[in-house]
Amino acid sequence: MKDKDTLIQFLDEKVLLPAETHPNADQRIKKKVRLTRMRLNQCQDGDKVEHYFWSAMATDGGIDSYRSLSRIGATTFEDVREEFKRLCKN
């Protein structure tokens, strides 16, 4: 089973924290990051974190987040998906 804390830490270090602290991140982006972090922490295990990651990219909100983060030059879930996929297999 995938370790929930390891997966969340990876996403926090690679995507969420850099986006939240990006100099061009507005309040809307910061709010999306906080909500994403909250949802991830509510996941019961690593499998649920993995499912959330893949599902989030396909939602309207996820697509909007991708566009917002890309616009300011921040890393997105899409940018780290290969590394995340490898981490999930370990």
N, C-alpha and C. Protein backbone atom coordinates (compact mmCIF):
# COMPACT_ATOMS: atom_id res chain seq x y z
N MET A 1 0.83 -1.18 0.00
CA MET A 1 0.00 0.00 0.00
C MET A 1 0.88 1.25 0.00
N LYS A 2 0.44 2.24 -0.72
CA LYS A 2 1.18 3.49 -0.80
C LYS A 2 1.05 4.25 0.52
N ASP A 3 2.12 4.91 0.92
CA ASP A 3 2.11 5.65 2.17
C ASP A 3 1.48 7.03 1.95
N LYS A 4 0.38 7.29 2.62
CA LYS A 4 -0.36 8.54 2.49
C LYS A 4 0.55 9.76 2.75
N ASP A 5 1.28 9.73 3.85
CA ASP A 5 2.10 10.87 4.23
C ASP A 5 3.20 11.15 3.21
N THR A 6 3.79 10.10 2.66
CA THR A 6 4.84 10.28 1.65
C THR A 6 4.27 10.93 0.39
N LEU A 7 3.10 10.48 -0.04
CA LEU A 7 2.49 11.05 -1.25
C LEU A 7 2.09 12.51 -1.04
N ILE A 8 1.50 12.80 0.12
CA ILE A 8 1.11 14.18 0.40
C ILE A 8 2.34 15.07 0.52
N GLN A 9 3.36 14.59 1.17
CA GLN A 9 4.60 15.38 1.30
C GLN A 9 5.18 15.69 -0.07
N PHE A 10 5.19 14.70 -0.95
CA PHE A 10 5.69 14.91 -2.31
C PHE A 10 4.90 16.02 -3.00
N LEU A 11 3.57 15.93 -2.96
CA LEU A 11 2.74 16.93 -3.63
C LEU A 11 2.88 18.30 -2.98
N ASP A 12 3.03 18.33 -1.68
CA ASP A 12 3.20 19.60 -0.98
C ASP A 12 4.52 20.25 -1.38
N GLU A 13 5.59 19.46 -1.40
CA GLU A 13 6.91 20.01 -1.72
C GLU A 13 7.05 20.39 -3.20
N LYS A 14 6.47 19.59 -4.07
CA LYS A 14 6.66 19.80 -5.52
C LYS A 14 5.66 20.77 -6.13
N VAL A 15 4.42 20.81 -5.60
CA VAL A 15 3.37 21.60 -6.25
C VAL A 15 2.74 22.63 -5.31
N LEU A 16 2.21 22.16 -4.21
CA LEU A 16 1.37 23.03 -3.38
C LEU A 16 2.13 24.19 -2.73
N LEU A 17 3.20 23.90 -2.02
CA LEU A 17 3.95 24.95 -1.34
C LEU A 17 4.58 25.94 -2.34
N PRO A 18 5.22 25.45 -3.40
CA PRO A 18 5.77 26.41 -4.37
C PRO A 18 4.69 27.30 -5.01
N ALA A 19 3.50 26.74 -5.27
CA ALA A 19 2.42 27.54 -5.84
C ALA A 19 1.92 28.57 -4.83
N GLU A 20 1.76 28.11 -3.60
CA GLU A 20 1.22 28.99 -2.55
C GLU A 20 2.16 30.16 -2.25
N THR A 21 3.46 29.92 -2.34
CA THR A 21 4.43 30.96 -2.01
C THR A 21 4.98 31.67 -3.25
N HIS A 22 4.48 31.32 -4.42
CA HIS A 22 4.93 31.97 -5.65
C HIS A 22 4.62 33.46 -5.58
N PRO A 23 5.57 34.30 -5.97
CA PRO A 23 5.35 35.75 -5.87
C PRO A 23 4.14 36.25 -6.66
N ASN A 24 3.75 35.54 -7.70
CA ASN A 24 2.61 35.98 -8.52
C ASN A 24 1.30 35.26 -8.16
N ALA A 25 1.32 34.47 -7.10
CA ALA A 25 0.10 33.75 -6.70
C ALA A 25 -0.87 34.74 -6.04
N ASP A 26 -2.06 34.81 -6.58
CA ASP A 26 -3.08 35.68 -6.00
C ASP A 26 -3.85 34.91 -4.92
N GLN A 27 -4.79 35.59 -4.28
CA GLN A 27 -5.55 34.96 -3.19
C GLN A 27 -6.38 33.77 -3.67
N ARG A 28 -6.84 33.83 -4.90
CA ARG A 28 -7.61 32.72 -5.47
C ARG A 28 -6.76 31.46 -5.56
N ILE A 29 -5.55 31.59 -6.05
CA ILE A 29 -4.63 30.45 -6.15
C ILE A 29 -4.31 29.92 -4.76
N LYS A 30 -4.01 30.82 -3.84
CA LYS A 30 -3.68 30.40 -2.47
C LYS A 30 -4.84 29.66 -1.82
N LYS A 31 -6.06 30.11 -2.08
CA LYS A 31 -7.23 29.44 -1.53
C LYS A 31 -7.37 28.04 -2.13
N LYS A 32 -7.16 27.90 -3.46
CA LYS A 32 -7.24 26.59 -4.11
C LYS A 32 -6.20 25.63 -3.53
N VAL A 33 -5.01 26.14 -3.27
CA VAL A 33 -3.95 25.31 -2.69
C VAL A 33 -4.36 24.84 -1.30
N ARG A 34 -4.87 25.73 -0.49
CA ARG A 34 -5.28 25.35 0.87
C ARG A 34 -6.39 24.30 0.83
N LEU A 35 -7.36 24.49 -0.07
CA LEU A 35 -8.45 23.52 -0.20
C LEU A 35 -7.94 22.15 -0.68
N THR A 36 -7.01 22.18 -1.62
CA THR A 36 -6.42 20.92 -2.11
C THR A 36 -5.68 20.21 -0.98
N ARG A 37 -4.91 20.95 -0.23
CA ARG A 37 -4.17 20.36 0.89
C ARG A 37 -5.15 19.75 1.91
N MET A 38 -6.23 20.47 2.19
CA MET A 38 -7.23 19.97 3.13
C MET A 38 -7.85 18.66 2.61
N ARG A 39 -8.19 18.64 1.33
CA ARG A 39 -8.79 17.43 0.75
C ARG A 39 -7.81 16.25 0.79
N LEU A 40 -6.56 16.52 0.49
CA LEU A 40 -5.56 15.45 0.54
C LEU A 40 -5.44 14.89 1.95
N ASN A 41 -5.41 15.77 2.93
CA ASN A 41 -5.27 15.32 4.32
C ASN A 41 -6.49 14.57 4.81
N GLN A 42 -7.64 14.78 4.17
CA GLN A 42 -8.84 14.04 4.54
C GLN A 42 -8.87 12.64 3.94
N CYS A 43 -8.01 12.39 2.97
CA CYS A 43 -7.94 11.05 2.38
C CYS A 43 -7.53 10.05 3.47
N GLN A 44 -8.14 8.87 3.43
CA GLN A 44 -7.90 7.91 4.50
C GLN A 44 -6.61 7.10 4.34
N ASP A 45 -6.13 6.99 3.12
CA ASP A 45 -4.90 6.22 2.90
C ASP A 45 -4.25 6.64 1.59
N GLY A 46 -3.11 6.04 1.31
CA GLY A 46 -2.35 6.38 0.11
C GLY A 46 -3.10 6.12 -1.18
N ASP A 47 -3.90 5.06 -1.20
CA ASP A 47 -4.69 4.77 -2.40
C ASP A 47 -5.68 5.89 -2.70
N LYS A 48 -6.26 6.45 -1.65
CA LYS A 48 -7.22 7.55 -1.83
C LYS A 48 -6.50 8.81 -2.31
N VAL A 49 -5.28 9.04 -1.82
CA VAL A 49 -4.49 10.19 -2.28
C VAL A 49 -4.17 10.03 -3.76
N GLU A 50 -3.78 8.83 -4.14
CA GLU A 50 -3.49 8.57 -5.55
C GLU A 50 -4.73 8.79 -6.41
N HIS A 51 -5.86 8.28 -5.96
CA HIS A 51 -7.11 8.46 -6.70
C HIS A 51 -7.46 9.94 -6.81
N TYR A 52 -7.31 10.69 -5.73
CA TYR A 52 -7.60 12.12 -5.75
C TYR A 52 -6.71 12.83 -6.78
N PHE A 53 -5.42 12.51 -6.77
CA PHE A 53 -4.47 13.13 -7.69
C PHE A 53 -4.92 12.96 -9.14
N TRP A 54 -5.20 11.72 -9.53
CA TRP A 54 -5.58 11.47 -10.92
C TRP A 54 -6.95 12.05 -11.26
N SER A 55 -7.86 12.00 -10.33
CA SER A 55 -9.20 12.53 -10.58
C SER A 55 -9.21 14.06 -10.66
N ALA A 56 -8.41 14.69 -9.82
CA ALA A 56 -8.41 16.15 -9.74
C ALA A 56 -8.03 16.79 -11.07
N MET A 57 -7.14 16.17 -11.80
CA MET A 57 -6.70 16.77 -13.07
C MET A 57 -7.81 16.79 -14.11
N ALA A 58 -8.79 15.91 -13.97
CA ALA A 58 -9.84 15.78 -14.98
C ALA A 58 -11.08 16.62 -14.68
N THR A 59 -11.13 17.24 -13.50
CA THR A 59 -12.31 18.03 -13.16
C THR A 59 -12.18 19.46 -13.70
N ASP A 60 -13.30 20.15 -13.77
CA ASP A 60 -13.28 21.56 -14.20
C ASP A 60 -12.40 22.39 -13.27
N GLY A 61 -12.52 22.12 -11.97
CA GLY A 61 -11.69 22.84 -11.00
C GLY A 61 -10.21 22.56 -11.19
N GLY A 62 -9.89 21.29 -11.48
CA GLY A 62 -8.50 20.91 -11.72
C GLY A 62 -7.93 21.56 -12.96
N ILE A 63 -8.74 21.62 -13.99
CA ILE A 63 -8.31 22.26 -15.25
C ILE A 63 -8.11 23.75 -15.01
N ASP A 64 -9.00 24.37 -14.25
CA ASP A 64 -8.87 25.78 -13.91
C ASP A 64 -7.60 26.03 -13.09
N SER A 65 -7.32 25.14 -12.14
CA SER A 65 -6.10 25.26 -11.34
C SER A 65 -4.87 25.14 -12.22
N TYR A 66 -4.89 24.18 -13.14
CA TYR A 66 -3.77 24.00 -14.06
C TYR A 66 -3.52 25.29 -14.84
N ARG A 67 -4.57 25.88 -15.36
CA ARG A 67 -4.42 27.12 -16.14
C ARG A 67 -3.89 28.26 -15.27
N SER A 68 -4.43 28.39 -14.07
CA SER A 68 -4.01 29.46 -13.17
C SER A 68 -2.54 29.31 -12.79
N LEU A 69 -2.14 28.09 -12.44
CA LEU A 69 -0.75 27.86 -12.03
C LEU A 69 0.20 28.00 -13.22
N SER A 70 -0.21 27.51 -14.36
CA SER A 70 0.63 27.62 -15.56
C SER A 70 0.84 29.08 -15.94
N ARG A 71 -0.20 29.87 -15.79
CA ARG A 71 -0.14 31.29 -16.15
C ARG A 71 0.94 32.03 -15.36
N ILE A 72 1.14 31.64 -14.10
CA ILE A 72 2.15 32.32 -13.29
C ILE A 72 3.50 31.59 -13.31
N GLY A 73 3.56 30.47 -14.02
CA GLY A 73 4.81 29.72 -14.13
C GLY A 73 5.07 28.76 -12.98
N ALA A 74 4.02 28.40 -12.26
CA ALA A 74 4.17 27.46 -11.14
C ALA A 74 4.02 26.02 -11.62
N THR A 75 4.58 25.11 -10.87
CA THR A 75 4.48 23.69 -11.17
C THR A 75 3.05 23.21 -10.89
N THR A 76 2.57 22.30 -11.73
CA THR A 76 1.22 21.76 -11.61
C THR A 76 1.26 20.26 -11.36
N PHE A 77 0.10 19.68 -11.01
CA PHE A 77 0.01 18.23 -10.88
C PHE A 77 0.46 17.56 -12.18
N GLU A 78 0.06 18.14 -13.30
CA GLU A 78 0.41 17.57 -14.60
C GLU A 78 1.92 17.51 -14.79
N ASP A 79 2.64 18.49 -14.28
CA ASP A 79 4.09 18.54 -14.42
C ASP A 79 4.80 17.44 -13.64
N VAL A 80 4.19 16.96 -12.57
CA VAL A 80 4.85 15.95 -11.72
C VAL A 80 4.22 14.57 -11.84
N ARG A 81 3.33 14.38 -12.80
CA ARG A 81 2.58 13.11 -12.85
C ARG A 81 3.46 11.89 -13.06
N GLU A 82 4.51 11.97 -13.85
CA GLU A 82 5.37 10.80 -14.05
C GLU A 82 6.11 10.43 -12.77
N GLU A 83 6.62 11.44 -12.08
CA GLU A 83 7.33 11.19 -10.83
C GLU A 83 6.36 10.66 -9.76
N PHE A 84 5.16 11.22 -9.72
CA PHE A 84 4.13 10.76 -8.78
C PHE A 84 3.75 9.30 -9.08
N LYS A 85 3.61 8.99 -10.35
CA LYS A 85 3.28 7.62 -10.76
C LYS A 85 4.35 6.64 -10.28
N ARG A 86 5.62 7.00 -10.44
CA ARG A 86 6.72 6.14 -9.98
C ARG A 86 6.67 5.99 -8.46
N LEU A 87 6.40 7.08 -7.77
CA LEU A 87 6.33 7.05 -6.31
C LEU A 87 5.21 6.12 -5.85
N CYS A 88 4.11 6.12 -6.55
CA CYS A 88 2.97 5.26 -6.20
C CYS A 88 3.30 3.78 -6.41
N LYS A 89 4.18 3.47 -7.33
CA LYS A 89 4.53 2.08 -7.61
C LYS A 89 5.50 1.52 -6.59
N ASN A 90 6.21 2.39 -5.89
CA ASN A 90 7.20 1.92 -4.90
C ASN A 90 6.54 1.43 -3.65
